[in-house]
């Protein structure tokens, strides 16, 4: 069955907001870029880090390629990688190779799914 119904639901969100119970940050879903963004900040400087959730990184999933690129520069230590719905571990499963790049230790094969979350 897969997770497609969830992604269909998320793709239809417009102006949705959630509040973190821990940090009280307000996140607003920006459907144009399919990302959650921090909207807590006040006046002049923009609000703090943003959140990107459920992004599909650039890169071929073909059993050979191991290199992937995120849509935005991410904060060091914030990248979370999911392969086929399982959270991968930094080090044993993937390595960050740049401010927008990471490499899987073992290449994913055709039909596998790769999704990432991170802070900007």
PDB file of N, CA and C in Angstrom:
ATOM      1  N   UNK A   1       0.813  -1.190   0.000  1.00  0.00           N
ATOM      2  CA  UNK A   1       0.000   0.000   0.000  1.00  0.00           C
ATOM      3  C   UNK A   1       0.860   1.260   0.000  1.00  0.00           C
ATOM      4  N   UNK A   2       1.800   1.417   0.896  1.00  0.00           N
ATOM      5  CA  UNK A   2       2.712   2.563   0.863  1.00  0.00           C
ATOM      6  C   UNK A   2       2.160   3.786   1.552  1.00  0.00           C
ATOM      7  N   UNK A   3       2.916   4.873   1.478  1.00  0.00           N
ATOM      8  CA  UNK A   3       2.577   6.103   2.177  1.00  0.00           C
ATOM      9  C   UNK A   3       1.975   7.144   1.251  1.00  0.00           C
ATOM     10  N   UNK A   4       1.593   6.790   0.055  1.00  0.00           N
ATOM     11  CA  UNK A   4       1.092   7.761  -0.905  1.00  0.00           C
ATOM     12  C   UNK A   4      -0.100   8.563  -0.386  1.00  0.00           C
ATOM     13  N   UNK A   5      -1.109   7.961   0.310  1.00  0.00           N
ATOM     14  CA  UNK A   5      -2.231   8.770   0.800  1.00  0.00           C
ATOM     15  C   UNK A   5      -1.787   9.917   1.687  1.00  0.00           C
ATOM     16  N   UNK A   6      -0.753   9.705   2.527  1.00  0.00           N
ATOM     17  CA  UNK A   6      -0.263  10.790   3.367  1.00  0.00           C
ATOM     18  C   UNK A   6       0.282  11.936   2.517  1.00  0.00           C
ATOM     19  N   UNK A   7       1.063  11.605   1.483  1.00  0.00           N
ATOM     20  CA  UNK A   7       1.627  12.651   0.641  1.00  0.00           C
ATOM     21  C   UNK A   7       0.536  13.369  -0.147  1.00  0.00           C
ATOM     22  N   UNK A   8      -0.511  12.649  -0.554  1.00  0.00           N
ATOM     23  CA  UNK A   8      -1.641  13.310  -1.212  1.00  0.00           C
ATOM     24  C   UNK A   8      -2.281  14.312  -0.273  1.00  0.00           C
ATOM     25  N   UNK A   9      -2.433  13.940   1.007  1.00  0.00           N
ATOM     26  CA  UNK A   9      -3.011  14.841   1.993  1.00  0.00           C
ATOM     27  C   UNK A   9      -2.132  16.074   2.179  1.00  0.00           C
ATOM     28  N   UNK A  10      -0.828  15.858   2.368  1.00  0.00           N
ATOM     29  CA  UNK A  10       0.091  16.971   2.601  1.00  0.00           C
ATOM     30  C   UNK A  10       0.116  17.911   1.405  1.00  0.00           C
ATOM     31  N   UNK A  11       0.038  17.368   0.187  1.00  0.00           N
ATOM     32  CA  UNK A  11       0.112  18.221  -1.002  1.00  0.00           C
ATOM     33  C   UNK A  11      -1.097  19.144  -1.129  1.00  0.00           C
ATOM     34  N   UNK A  12      -2.173  18.849  -0.415  1.00  0.00           N
ATOM     35  CA  UNK A  12      -3.382  19.677  -0.482  1.00  0.00           C
ATOM     36  C   UNK A  12      -3.453  20.729   0.624  1.00  0.00           C
ATOM     37  N   UNK A  13      -2.475  20.744   1.518  1.00  0.00           N
ATOM     38  CA  UNK A  13      -2.486  21.719   2.609  1.00  0.00           C
ATOM     39  C   UNK A  13      -2.302  23.133   2.077  1.00  0.00           C
ATOM     40  N   UNK A  14      -3.044  24.054   2.635  1.00  0.00           N
ATOM     41  CA  UNK A  14      -2.897  25.472   2.294  1.00  0.00           C
ATOM     42  C   UNK A  14      -2.971  26.275   3.588  1.00  0.00           C
ATOM     43  N   UNK A  15      -1.946  27.044   3.877  1.00  0.00           N
ATOM     44  CA  UNK A  15      -1.927  27.930   5.041  1.00  0.00           C
ATOM     45  C   UNK A  15      -2.148  27.193   6.364  1.00  0.00           C
ATOM     46  N   UNK A  16      -1.734  25.946   6.448  1.00  0.00           N
ATOM     47  CA  UNK A  16      -1.851  25.194   7.698  1.00  0.00           C
ATOM     48  C   UNK A  16      -0.747  25.628   8.646  1.00  0.00           C
ATOM     49  N   UNK A  17      -1.040  25.631   9.944  1.00  0.00           N
ATOM     50  CA  UNK A  17      -0.041  25.975  10.940  1.00  0.00           C
ATOM     51  C   UNK A  17      -0.067  24.952  12.060  1.00  0.00           C
ATOM     52  N   UNK A  18       1.105  24.695  12.626  1.00  0.00           N
ATOM     53  CA  UNK A  18       1.216  23.865  13.814  1.00  0.00           C
ATOM     54  C   UNK A  18       2.133  24.581  14.788  1.00  0.00           C
ATOM     55  N   UNK A  19       1.994  24.286  16.071  1.00  0.00           N
ATOM     56  CA  UNK A  19       2.826  24.894  17.097  1.00  0.00           C
ATOM     57  C   UNK A  19       3.558  23.783  17.834  1.00  0.00           C
ATOM     58  N   UNK A  20       4.869  23.927  17.940  1.00  0.00           N
ATOM     59  CA  UNK A  20       5.665  22.952  18.664  1.00  0.00           C
ATOM     60  C   UNK A  20       5.351  23.046  20.153  1.00  0.00           C
ATOM     61  N   UNK A  21       4.957  21.940  20.802  1.00  0.00           N
ATOM     62  CA  UNK A  21       4.679  21.988  22.233  1.00  0.00           C
ATOM     63  C   UNK A  21       5.933  22.178  23.077  1.00  0.00           C
ATOM     64  N   UNK A  22       7.095  21.924  22.493  1.00  0.00           N
ATOM     65  CA  UNK A  22       8.344  22.044  23.229  1.00  0.00           C
ATOM     66  C   UNK A  22       8.913  23.449  23.146  1.00  0.00           C
ATOM     67  N   UNK A  23       9.019  23.989  21.929  1.00  0.00           N
ATOM     68  CA  UNK A  23       9.690  25.278  21.745  1.00  0.00           C
ATOM     69  C   UNK A  23       8.736  26.426  21.470  1.00  0.00           C
ATOM     70  N   UNK A  24       7.450  26.147  21.278  1.00  0.00           N
ATOM     71  CA  UNK A  24       6.427  27.143  20.937  1.00  0.00           C
ATOM     72  C   UNK A  24       6.651  27.797  19.589  1.00  0.00           C
ATOM     73  N   UNK A  25       7.494  27.209  18.740  1.00  0.00           N
ATOM     74  CA  UNK A  25       7.681  27.735  17.399  1.00  0.00           C
ATOM     75  C   UNK A  25       6.430  27.447  16.578  1.00  0.00           C
ATOM     76  N   UNK A  26       6.036  28.421  15.773  1.00  0.00           N
ATOM     77  CA  UNK A  26       4.886  28.254  14.894  1.00  0.00           C
ATOM     78  C   UNK A  26       5.411  27.929  13.500  1.00  0.00           C
ATOM     79  N   UNK A  27       4.948  26.804  12.940  1.00  0.00           N
ATOM     80  CA  UNK A  27       5.351  26.395  11.603  1.00  0.00           C
ATOM     81  C   UNK A  27       4.162  26.553  10.674  1.00  0.00           C
ATOM     82  N   UNK A  28       4.395  27.149   9.514  1.00  0.00           N
ATOM     83  CA  UNK A  28       3.359  27.326   8.505  1.00  0.00           C
ATOM     84  C   UNK A  28       3.749  26.511   7.286  1.00  0.00           C
ATOM     85  N   UNK A  29       2.777  25.769   6.737  1.00  0.00           N
ATOM     86  CA  UNK A  29       3.055  24.957   5.566  1.00  0.00           C
ATOM     87  C   UNK A  29       2.968  25.816   4.320  1.00  0.00           C
ATOM     88  N   UNK A  30       4.045  25.862   3.537  1.00  0.00           N
ATOM     89  CA  UNK A  30       4.094  26.605   2.285  1.00  0.00           C
ATOM     90  C   UNK A  30       3.923  25.598   1.152  1.00  0.00           C
ATOM     91  N   UNK A  31       2.693  25.490   0.648  1.00  0.00           N
ATOM     92  CA  UNK A  31       2.376  24.483  -0.372  1.00  0.00           C
ATOM     93  C   UNK A  31       3.133  24.732  -1.675  1.00  0.00           C
ATOM     94  N   UNK A  32       3.496  25.978  -1.953  1.00  0.00           N
ATOM     95  CA  UNK A  32       4.192  26.290  -3.206  1.00  0.00           C
ATOM     96  C   UNK A  32       5.531  25.574  -3.300  1.00  0.00           C
ATOM     97  N   UNK A  33       6.188  25.383  -2.152  1.00  0.00           N
ATOM     98  CA  UNK A  33       7.478  24.701  -2.143  1.00  0.00           C
ATOM     99  C   UNK A  33       7.439  23.407  -1.336  1.00  0.00           C
ATOM    100  N   UNK A  34       6.254  23.034  -0.860  1.00  0.00           N
ATOM    101  CA  UNK A  34       6.043  21.793  -0.101  1.00  0.00           C
ATOM    102  C   UNK A  34       6.972  21.694   1.100  1.00  0.00           C
ATOM    103  N   UNK A  35       6.985  22.757   1.928  1.00  0.00           N
ATOM    104  CA  UNK A  35       7.851  22.788   3.100  1.00  0.00           C
ATOM    105  C   UNK A  35       7.156  23.480   4.260  1.00  0.00           C
ATOM    106  N   UNK A  36       7.512  23.046   5.473  1.00  0.00           N
ATOM    107  CA  UNK A  36       7.106  23.755   6.681  1.00  0.00           C
ATOM    108  C   UNK A  36       8.131  24.843   6.935  1.00  0.00           C
ATOM    109  N   UNK A  37       7.672  26.049   7.243  1.00  0.00           N
ATOM    110  CA  UNK A  37       8.577  27.164   7.510  1.00  0.00           C
ATOM    111  C   UNK A  37       8.257  27.757   8.866  1.00  0.00           C
ATOM    112  N   UNK A  38       9.313  28.185   9.573  1.00  0.00           N
ATOM    113  CA  UNK A  38       9.142  28.801  10.876  1.00  0.00           C
ATOM    114  C   UNK A  38       8.555  30.189  10.678  1.00  0.00           C
ATOM    115  N   UNK A  39       7.425  30.461  11.326  1.00  0.00           N
ATOM    116  CA  UNK A  39       6.790  31.773  11.190  1.00  0.00           C
ATOM    117  C   UNK A  39       6.658  32.463  12.535  1.00  0.00           C
ATOM    118  N   UNK A  40       7.457  32.034  13.522  1.00  0.00           N
ATOM    119  CA  UNK A  40       7.385  32.586  14.867  1.00  0.00           C
ATOM    120  C   UNK A  40       8.046  33.949  14.961  1.00  0.00           C
ATOM    121  N   UNK A  41       9.087  34.176  14.188  1.00  0.00           N
ATOM    122  CA  UNK A  41       9.921  35.366  14.333  1.00  0.00           C
ATOM    123  C   UNK A  41       9.146  36.661  14.353  1.00  0.00           C
ATOM    124  N   UNK A  42       9.688  37.643  15.025  1.00  0.00           N
ATOM    125  CA  UNK A  42       9.037  38.936  15.094  1.00  0.00           C
ATOM    126  C   UNK A  42       9.583  39.854  14.047  1.00  0.00           C
ATOM    127  N   UNK A  43       9.332  41.084  14.144  1.00  0.00           N
ATOM    128  CA  UNK A  43       9.681  42.190  13.299  1.00  0.00           C
ATOM    129  C   UNK A  43      10.853  42.048  12.376  1.00  0.00           C
ATOM    130  N   UNK A  44      11.818  42.665  12.337  1.00  0.00           N
ATOM    131  CA  UNK A  44      12.802  42.863  11.318  1.00  0.00           C
ATOM    132  C   UNK A  44      13.654  41.736  10.858  1.00  0.00           C
ATOM    133  N   UNK A  45      13.937  40.718  11.521  1.00  0.00           N
ATOM    134  CA  UNK A  45      14.968  39.836  11.020  1.00  0.00           C
ATOM    135  C   UNK A  45      14.535  38.512  10.481  1.00  0.00           C
ATOM    136  N   UNK A  46      13.360  38.261  10.285  1.00  0.00           N
ATOM    137  CA  UNK A  46      12.946  36.991   9.764  1.00  0.00           C
ATOM    138  C   UNK A  46      12.834  36.009  10.865  1.00  0.00           C
ATOM    139  N   UNK A  47      12.537  35.104  11.190  1.00  0.00           N
ATOM    140  CA  UNK A  47      12.256  34.356  12.376  1.00  0.00           C
ATOM    141  C   UNK A  47      13.191  33.276  12.753  1.00  0.00           C
ATOM    142  N   UNK A  48      14.272  32.984  12.546  1.00  0.00           N
ATOM    143  CA  UNK A  48      14.947  31.801  13.007  1.00  0.00           C
ATOM    144  C   UNK A  48      14.924  30.715  11.946  1.00  0.00           C
ATOM    145  N   UNK A  49      15.350  29.561  12.331  1.00  0.00           N
ATOM    146  CA  UNK A  49      15.464  28.502  11.332  1.00  0.00           C
ATOM    147  C   UNK A  49      14.117  28.043  10.790  1.00  0.00           C
ATOM    148  N   UNK A  50      14.143  27.606   9.545  1.00  0.00           N
ATOM    149  CA  UNK A  50      12.963  27.019   8.944  1.00  0.00           C
ATOM    150  C   UNK A  50      13.083  25.507   8.979  1.00  0.00           C
ATOM    151  N   UNK A  51      12.003  24.848   8.694  1.00  0.00           N
ATOM    152  CA  UNK A  51      11.973  23.393   8.691  1.00  0.00           C
ATOM    153  C   UNK A  51      11.579  22.908   7.314  1.00  0.00           C
ATOM    154  N   UNK A  52      12.275  21.933   6.824  1.00  0.00           N
ATOM    155  CA  UNK A  52      11.914  21.279   5.567  1.00  0.00           C
ATOM    156  C   UNK A  52      11.586  19.836   5.941  1.00  0.00           C
ATOM    157  N   UNK A  53      10.393  19.390   5.584  1.00  0.00           N
ATOM    158  CA  UNK A  53       9.989  18.036   5.921  1.00  0.00           C
ATOM    159  C   UNK A  53       9.466  17.319   4.682  1.00  0.00           C
ATOM    160  N   UNK A  54       9.791  16.066   4.579  1.00  0.00           N
ATOM    161  CA  UNK A  54       9.268  15.249   3.496  1.00  0.00           C
ATOM    162  C   UNK A  54       9.814  15.586   2.123  1.00  0.00           C
ATOM    163  N   UNK A  55      11.004  16.175   2.062  1.00  0.00           N
ATOM    164  CA  UNK A  55      11.589  16.525   0.768  1.00  0.00           C
ATOM    165  C   UNK A  55      12.189  15.281   0.106  1.00  0.00           C
ATOM    166  N   UNK A  56      12.030  15.203  -1.196  1.00  0.00           N
ATOM    167  CA  UNK A  56      12.687  14.166  -1.983  1.00  0.00           C
ATOM    168  C   UNK A  56      13.937  14.805  -2.580  1.00  0.00           C
ATOM    169  N   UNK A  57      15.121  14.374  -2.151  1.00  0.00           N
ATOM    170  CA  UNK A  57      16.346  15.016  -2.635  1.00  0.00           C
ATOM    171  C   UNK A  57      16.615  14.687  -4.101  1.00  0.00           C
ATOM    172  N   UNK A  58      17.435  15.519  -4.737  1.00  0.00           N
ATOM    173  CA  UNK A  58      17.855  15.267  -6.117  1.00  0.00           C
ATOM    174  C   UNK A  58      18.906  14.170  -6.131  1.00  0.00           C
ATOM    175  N   UNK A  59      18.810  13.302  -7.108  1.00  0.00           N
ATOM    176  CA  UNK A  59      19.780  12.222  -7.261  1.00  0.00           C
ATOM    177  C   UNK A  59      19.067  10.962  -7.731  1.00  0.00           C
ATOM    178  N   UNK A  60      19.729  10.206  -8.566  1.00  0.00           N
ATOM    179  CA  UNK A  60      19.133   8.985  -9.114  1.00  0.00           C
ATOM    180  C   UNK A  60      19.154   7.853  -8.094  1.00  0.00           C
ATOM    181  N   UNK A  61      18.042   7.134  -8.032  1.00  0.00           N
ATOM    182  CA  UNK A  61      17.966   5.916  -7.228  1.00  0.00           C
ATOM    183  C   UNK A  61      17.988   4.770  -8.232  1.00  0.00           C
ATOM    184  N   UNK A  62      19.197   4.204  -8.421  1.00  0.00           N
ATOM    185  CA  UNK A  62      19.363   3.237  -9.510  1.00  0.00           C
ATOM    186  C   UNK A  62      20.306   2.086  -9.183  1.00  0.00           C
ATOM    187  N   UNK A  63      20.656   1.922  -7.917  1.00  0.00           N
ATOM    188  CA  UNK A  63      21.561   0.839  -7.545  1.00  0.00           C
ATOM    189  C   UNK A  63      23.029   1.172  -7.700  1.00  0.00           C
ATOM    190  N   UNK A  64      23.340   2.339  -8.270  1.00  0.00           N
ATOM    191  CA  UNK A  64      24.733   2.757  -8.480  1.00  0.00           C
ATOM    192  C   UNK A  64      25.011   4.071  -7.756  1.00  0.00           C
ATOM    193  N   UNK A  65      24.167   5.083  -7.968  1.00  0.00           N
ATOM    194  CA  UNK A  65      24.370   6.412  -7.390  1.00  0.00           C
ATOM    195  C   UNK A  65      24.236   6.377  -5.870  1.00  0.00           C
ATOM    196  N   UNK A  66      25.116   7.113  -5.195  1.00  0.00           N
ATOM    197  CA  UNK A  66      25.037   7.248  -3.743  1.00  0.00           C
ATOM    198  C   UNK A  66      24.941   8.708  -3.316  1.00  0.00           C
ATOM    199  N   UNK A  67      25.051   9.661  -4.261  1.00  0.00           N
ATOM    200  CA  UNK A  67      25.121  11.087  -3.944  1.00  0.00           C
ATOM    201  C   UNK A  67      23.780  11.782  -4.152  1.00  0.00           C
ATOM    202  N   UNK A  68      23.384  12.612  -3.159  1.00  0.00           N
ATOM    203  CA  UNK A  68      22.102  13.308  -3.206  1.00  0.00           C
ATOM    204  C   UNK A  68      22.282  14.759  -2.784  1.00  0.00           C
ATOM    205  N   UNK A  69      21.379  15.607  -3.279  1.00  0.00           N
ATOM    206  CA  UNK A  69      21.447  17.051  -3.039  1.00  0.00           C
ATOM    207  C   UNK A  69      20.114  17.516  -2.476  1.00  0.00           C
ATOM    208  N   UNK A  70      20.176  18.320  -1.415  1.00  0.00           N
ATOM    209  CA  UNK A  70      18.971  18.889  -0.814  1.00  0.00           C
ATOM    210  C   UNK A  70      18.554  20.150  -1.566  1.00  0.00           C
ATOM    211  N   UNK A  71      17.318  20.566  -1.388  1.00  0.00           N
ATOM    212  CA  UNK A  71      16.805  21.747  -2.060  1.00  0.00           C
ATOM    213  C   UNK A  71      17.328  23.052  -1.478  1.00  0.00           C
ATOM    214  N   UNK A  72      17.800  23.021  -0.243  1.00  0.00           N
ATOM    215  CA  UNK A  72      18.318  24.216   0.439  1.00  0.00           C
ATOM    216  C   UNK A  72      19.521  23.828   1.284  1.00  0.00           C
ATOM    217  N   UNK A  73      20.303  24.822   1.667  1.00  0.00           N
ATOM    218  CA  UNK A  73      21.412  24.605   2.597  1.00  0.00           C
ATOM    219  C   UNK A  73      20.797  24.232   3.945  1.00  0.00           C
ATOM    220  N   UNK A  74      21.323  23.204   4.600  1.00  0.00           N
ATOM    221  CA  UNK A  74      20.769  22.796   5.892  1.00  0.00           C
ATOM    222  C   UNK A  74      21.737  23.103   7.024  1.00  0.00           C
ATOM    223  N   UNK A  75      21.175  23.248   8.217  1.00  0.00           N
ATOM    224  CA  UNK A  75      21.975  23.471   9.419  1.00  0.00           C
ATOM    225  C   UNK A  75      22.694  22.171   9.761  1.00  0.00           C
ATOM    226  N   UNK A  76      23.981  22.283  10.052  1.00  0.00           N
ATOM    227  CA  UNK A  76      24.795  21.120  10.395  1.00  0.00           C
ATOM    228  C   UNK A  76      24.134  20.348  11.534  1.00  0.00           C
ATOM    229  N   UNK A  77      24.027  19.048  11.370  1.00  0.00           N
ATOM    230  CA  UNK A  77      23.454  18.190  12.400  1.00  0.00           C
ATOM    231  C   UNK A  77      21.943  18.048  12.335  1.00  0.00           C
ATOM    232  N   UNK A  78      21.294  18.740  11.392  1.00  0.00           N
ATOM    233  CA  UNK A  78      19.828  18.693  11.357  1.00  0.00           C
ATOM    234  C   UNK A  78      19.265  17.736  10.314  1.00  0.00           C
ATOM    235  N   UNK A  79      20.098  17.214   9.431  1.00  0.00           N
ATOM    236  CA  UNK A  79      19.607  16.348   8.364  1.00  0.00           C
ATOM    237  C   UNK A  79      19.140  15.009   8.928  1.00  0.00           C
ATOM    238  N   UNK A  80      17.927  14.610   8.539  1.00  0.00           N
ATOM    239  CA  UNK A  80      17.385  13.305   8.896  1.00  0.00           C
ATOM    240  C   UNK A  80      17.001  12.629   7.585  1.00  0.00           C
ATOM    241  N   UNK A  81      17.493  11.421   7.379  1.00  0.00           N
ATOM    242  CA  UNK A  81      17.302  10.694   6.127  1.00  0.00           C
ATOM    243  C   UNK A  81      16.451   9.450   6.396  1.00  0.00           C
ATOM    244  N   UNK A  82      15.449   9.240   5.542  1.00  0.00           N
ATOM    245  CA  UNK A  82      14.595   8.062   5.628  1.00  0.00           C
ATOM    246  C   UNK A  82      14.678   7.304   4.305  1.00  0.00           C
ATOM    247  N   UNK A  83      15.017   6.036   4.363  1.00  0.00           N
ATOM    248  CA  UNK A  83      15.027   5.181   3.181  1.00  0.00           C
ATOM    249  C   UNK A  83      13.959   4.110   3.383  1.00  0.00           C
ATOM    250  N   UNK A  84      13.009   4.073   2.457  1.00  0.00           N
ATOM    251  CA  UNK A  84      11.909   3.115   2.538  1.00  0.00           C
ATOM    252  C   UNK A  84      11.187   3.184   3.883  1.00  0.00           C
ATOM    253  N   UNK A  85      11.058   4.409   4.405  1.00  0.00           N
ATOM    254  CA  UNK A  85      10.333   4.627   5.650  1.00  0.00           C
ATOM    255  C   UNK A  85      11.127   4.404   6.918  1.00  0.00           C
ATOM    256  N   UNK A  86      12.356   3.949   6.806  1.00  0.00           N
ATOM    257  CA  UNK A  86      13.191   3.711   7.977  1.00  0.00           C
ATOM    258  C   UNK A  86      14.193   4.837   8.148  1.00  0.00           C
ATOM    259  N   UNK A  87      14.320   5.324   9.379  1.00  0.00           N
ATOM    260  CA  UNK A  87      15.281   6.397   9.640  1.00  0.00           C
ATOM    261  C   UNK A  87      16.693   5.839   9.560  1.00  0.00           C
ATOM    262  N   UNK A  88      17.513   6.492   8.761  1.00  0.00           N
ATOM    263  CA  UNK A  88      18.904   6.092   8.585  1.00  0.00           C
ATOM    264  C   UNK A  88      19.773   6.767   9.646  1.00  0.00           C
ATOM    265  N   UNK A  89      20.924   6.170   9.926  1.00  0.00           N
ATOM    266  CA  UNK A  89      21.852   6.707  10.913  1.00  0.00           C
ATOM    267  C   UNK A  89      23.007   7.413  10.219  1.00  0.00           C
ATOM    268  N   UNK A  90      23.318   8.602  10.715  1.00  0.00           N
ATOM    269  CA  UNK A  90      24.462   9.330  10.186  1.00  0.00           C
ATOM    270  C   UNK A  90      25.725   8.554  10.545  1.00  0.00           C
ATOM    271  N   UNK A  91      26.518   8.264   9.548  1.00  0.00           N
ATOM    272  CA  UNK A  91      27.732   7.465   9.752  1.00  0.00           C
ATOM    273  C   UNK A  91      27.565   6.084   9.167  1.00  0.00           C
ATOM    274  N   UNK A  92      26.825   5.187   9.832  1.00  0.00           N
ATOM    275  CA  UNK A  92      26.682   3.832   9.287  1.00  0.00           C
ATOM    276  C   UNK A  92      25.863   3.773   7.988  1.00  0.00           C
ATOM    277  N   UNK A  93      24.896   4.688   7.824  1.00  0.00           N
ATOM    278  CA  UNK A  93      23.998   4.623   6.663  1.00  0.00           C
ATOM    279  C   UNK A  93      24.217   5.736   5.643  1.00  0.00           C
ATOM    280  N   UNK A  94      24.587   6.938   6.112  1.00  0.00           N
ATOM    281  CA  UNK A  94      24.838   8.060   5.203  1.00  0.00           C
ATOM    282  C   UNK A  94      25.869   8.996   5.814  1.00  0.00           C
ATOM    283  N   UNK A  95      26.504   9.792   4.951  1.00  0.00           N
ATOM    284  CA  UNK A  95      27.523  10.749   5.381  1.00  0.00           C
ATOM    285  C   UNK A  95      27.206  12.091   4.743  1.00  0.00           C
ATOM    286  N   UNK A  96      27.223  13.148   5.545  1.00  0.00           N
ATOM    287  CA  UNK A  96      27.055  14.503   5.015  1.00  0.00           C
ATOM    288  C   UNK A  96      28.356  14.888   4.333  1.00  0.00           C
ATOM    289  N   UNK A  97      28.258  15.352   3.076  1.00  0.00           N
ATOM    290  CA  UNK A  97      29.457  15.675   2.306  1.00  0.00           C
ATOM    291  C   UNK A  97      29.539  17.150   1.926  1.00  0.00           C
ATOM    292  N   UNK A  98      28.549  17.950   2.325  1.00  0.00           N
ATOM    293  CA  UNK A  98      28.539  19.374   2.024  1.00  0.00           C
ATOM    294  C   UNK A  98      27.319  20.017   2.646  1.00  0.00           C
ATOM    295  N   UNK A  99      27.175  21.320   2.461  1.00  0.00           N
ATOM    296  CA  UNK A  99      26.065  22.047   3.084  1.00  0.00           C
ATOM    297  C   UNK A  99      24.715  21.739   2.434  1.00  0.00           C
ATOM    298  N   UNK A 100      24.725  21.076   1.279  1.00  0.00           N
ATOM    299  CA  UNK A 100      23.506  20.649   0.605  1.00  0.00           C
ATOM    300  C   UNK A 100      23.644  19.225   0.063  1.00  0.00           C
ATOM    301  N   UNK A 101      24.634  18.503   0.543  1.00  0.00           N
ATOM    302  CA  UNK A 101      24.929  17.206  -0.052  1.00  0.00           C
ATOM    303  C   UNK A 101      25.097  16.126   1.008  1.00  0.00           C
ATOM    304  N   UNK A 102      24.677  14.915   0.638  1.00  0.00           N
ATOM    305  CA  UNK A 102      24.962  13.756   1.465  1.00  0.00           C
ATOM    306  C   UNK A 102      25.133  12.543   0.565  1.00  0.00           C
ATOM    307  N   UNK A 103      25.753  11.524   1.130  1.00  0.00           N
ATOM    308  CA  UNK A 103      26.032  10.316   0.368  1.00  0.00           C
ATOM    309  C   UNK A 103      25.582   9.101   1.178  1.00  0.00           C
ATOM    310  N   UNK A 104      24.811   8.234   0.541  1.00  0.00           N
ATOM    311  CA  UNK A 104      24.428   6.982   1.168  1.00  0.00           C
ATOM    312  C   UNK A 104      25.641   6.063   1.179  1.00  0.00           C
ATOM    313  N   UNK A 105      25.817   5.278   2.215  1.00  0.00           N
ATOM    314  CA  UNK A 105      26.929   4.343   2.284  1.00  0.00           C
ATOM    315  C   UNK A 105      26.717   3.211   1.281  1.00  0.00           C
ATOM    316  N   UNK A 106      25.479   2.755   1.178  1.00  0.00           N
ATOM    317  CA  UNK A 106      25.111   1.712   0.217  1.00  0.00           C
ATOM    318  C   UNK A 106      24.094   2.309  -0.750  1.00  0.00           C
ATOM    319  N   UNK A 107      24.290   2.174  -2.057  1.00  0.00           N
ATOM    320  CA  UNK A 107      23.335   2.772  -3.001  1.00  0.00           C
ATOM    321  C   UNK A 107      21.938   2.171  -2.862  1.00  0.00           C
ATOM    322  N   UNK A 108      20.935   3.023  -3.013  1.00  0.00           N
ATOM    323  CA  UNK A 108      19.554   2.554  -3.032  1.00  0.00           C
ATOM    324  C   UNK A 108      19.250   1.982  -4.412  1.00  0.00           C
ATOM    325  N   UNK A 109      18.332   1.047  -4.474  1.00  0.00           N
ATOM    326  CA  UNK A 109      18.009   0.414  -5.742  1.00  0.00           C
ATOM    327  C   UNK A 109      16.700   0.959  -6.314  1.00  0.00           C
ATOM    328  N   UNK A 110      16.523   0.767  -7.596  1.00  0.00           N
ATOM    329  CA  UNK A 110      15.325   1.224  -8.287  1.00  0.00           C
ATOM    330  C   UNK A 110      14.091   0.751  -7.523  1.00  0.00           C
ATOM    331  N   UNK A 111      13.170   1.682  -7.278  1.00  0.00           N
ATOM    332  CA  UNK A 111      11.956   1.360  -6.532  1.00  0.00           C
ATOM    333  C   UNK A 111      12.032   1.745  -5.064  1.00  0.00           C
ATOM    334  N   UNK A 112      13.243   1.988  -4.545  1.00  0.00           N
ATOM    335  CA  UNK A 112      13.380   2.447  -3.163  1.00  0.00           C
ATOM    336  C   UNK A 112      12.903   3.889  -3.049  1.00  0.00           C
ATOM    337  N   UNK A 113      12.526   4.290  -1.838  1.00  0.00           N
ATOM    338  CA  UNK A 113      12.089   5.665  -1.565  1.00  0.00           C
ATOM    339  C   UNK A 113      13.098   6.344  -0.660  1.00  0.00           C
ATOM    340  N   UNK A 114      13.345   7.628  -0.912  1.00  0.00           N
ATOM    341  CA  UNK A 114      14.272   8.418  -0.109  1.00  0.00           C
ATOM    342  C   UNK A 114      13.615   9.747   0.210  1.00  0.00           C
ATOM    343  N   UNK A 115      13.492  10.048   1.498  1.00  0.00           N
ATOM    344  CA  UNK A 115      12.862  11.291   1.954  1.00  0.00           C
ATOM    345  C   UNK A 115      13.740  11.877   3.038  1.00  0.00           C
ATOM    346  N   UNK A 116      13.822  13.223   3.082  1.00  0.00           N
ATOM    347  CA  UNK A 116      14.666  13.883   4.081  1.00  0.00           C
ATOM    348  C   UNK A 116      13.909  14.995   4.797  1.00  0.00           C
ATOM    349  N   UNK A 117      14.354  15.285   5.998  1.00  0.00           N
ATOM    350  CA  UNK A 117      13.916  16.426   6.790  1.00  0.00           C
ATOM    351  C   UNK A 117      15.170  17.173   7.216  1.00  0.00           C
ATOM    352  N   UNK A 118      15.073  18.483   7.371  1.00  0.00           N
ATOM    353  CA  UNK A 118      16.206  19.260   7.876  1.00  0.00           C
ATOM    354  C   UNK A 118      15.772  20.660   8.261  1.00  0.00           C
ATOM    355  N   UNK A 119      16.658  21.367   8.928  1.00  0.00           N
ATOM    356  CA  UNK A 119      16.421  22.768   9.301  1.00  0.00           C
ATOM    357  C   UNK A 119      17.287  23.655   8.432  1.00  0.00           C
ATOM    358  N   UNK A 120      16.743  24.818   8.089  1.00  0.00           N
ATOM    359  CA  UNK A 120      17.482  25.773   7.251  1.00  0.00           C
ATOM    360  C   UNK A 120      17.820  27.024   8.029  1.00  0.00           C
TER     361      UNK A 120
END
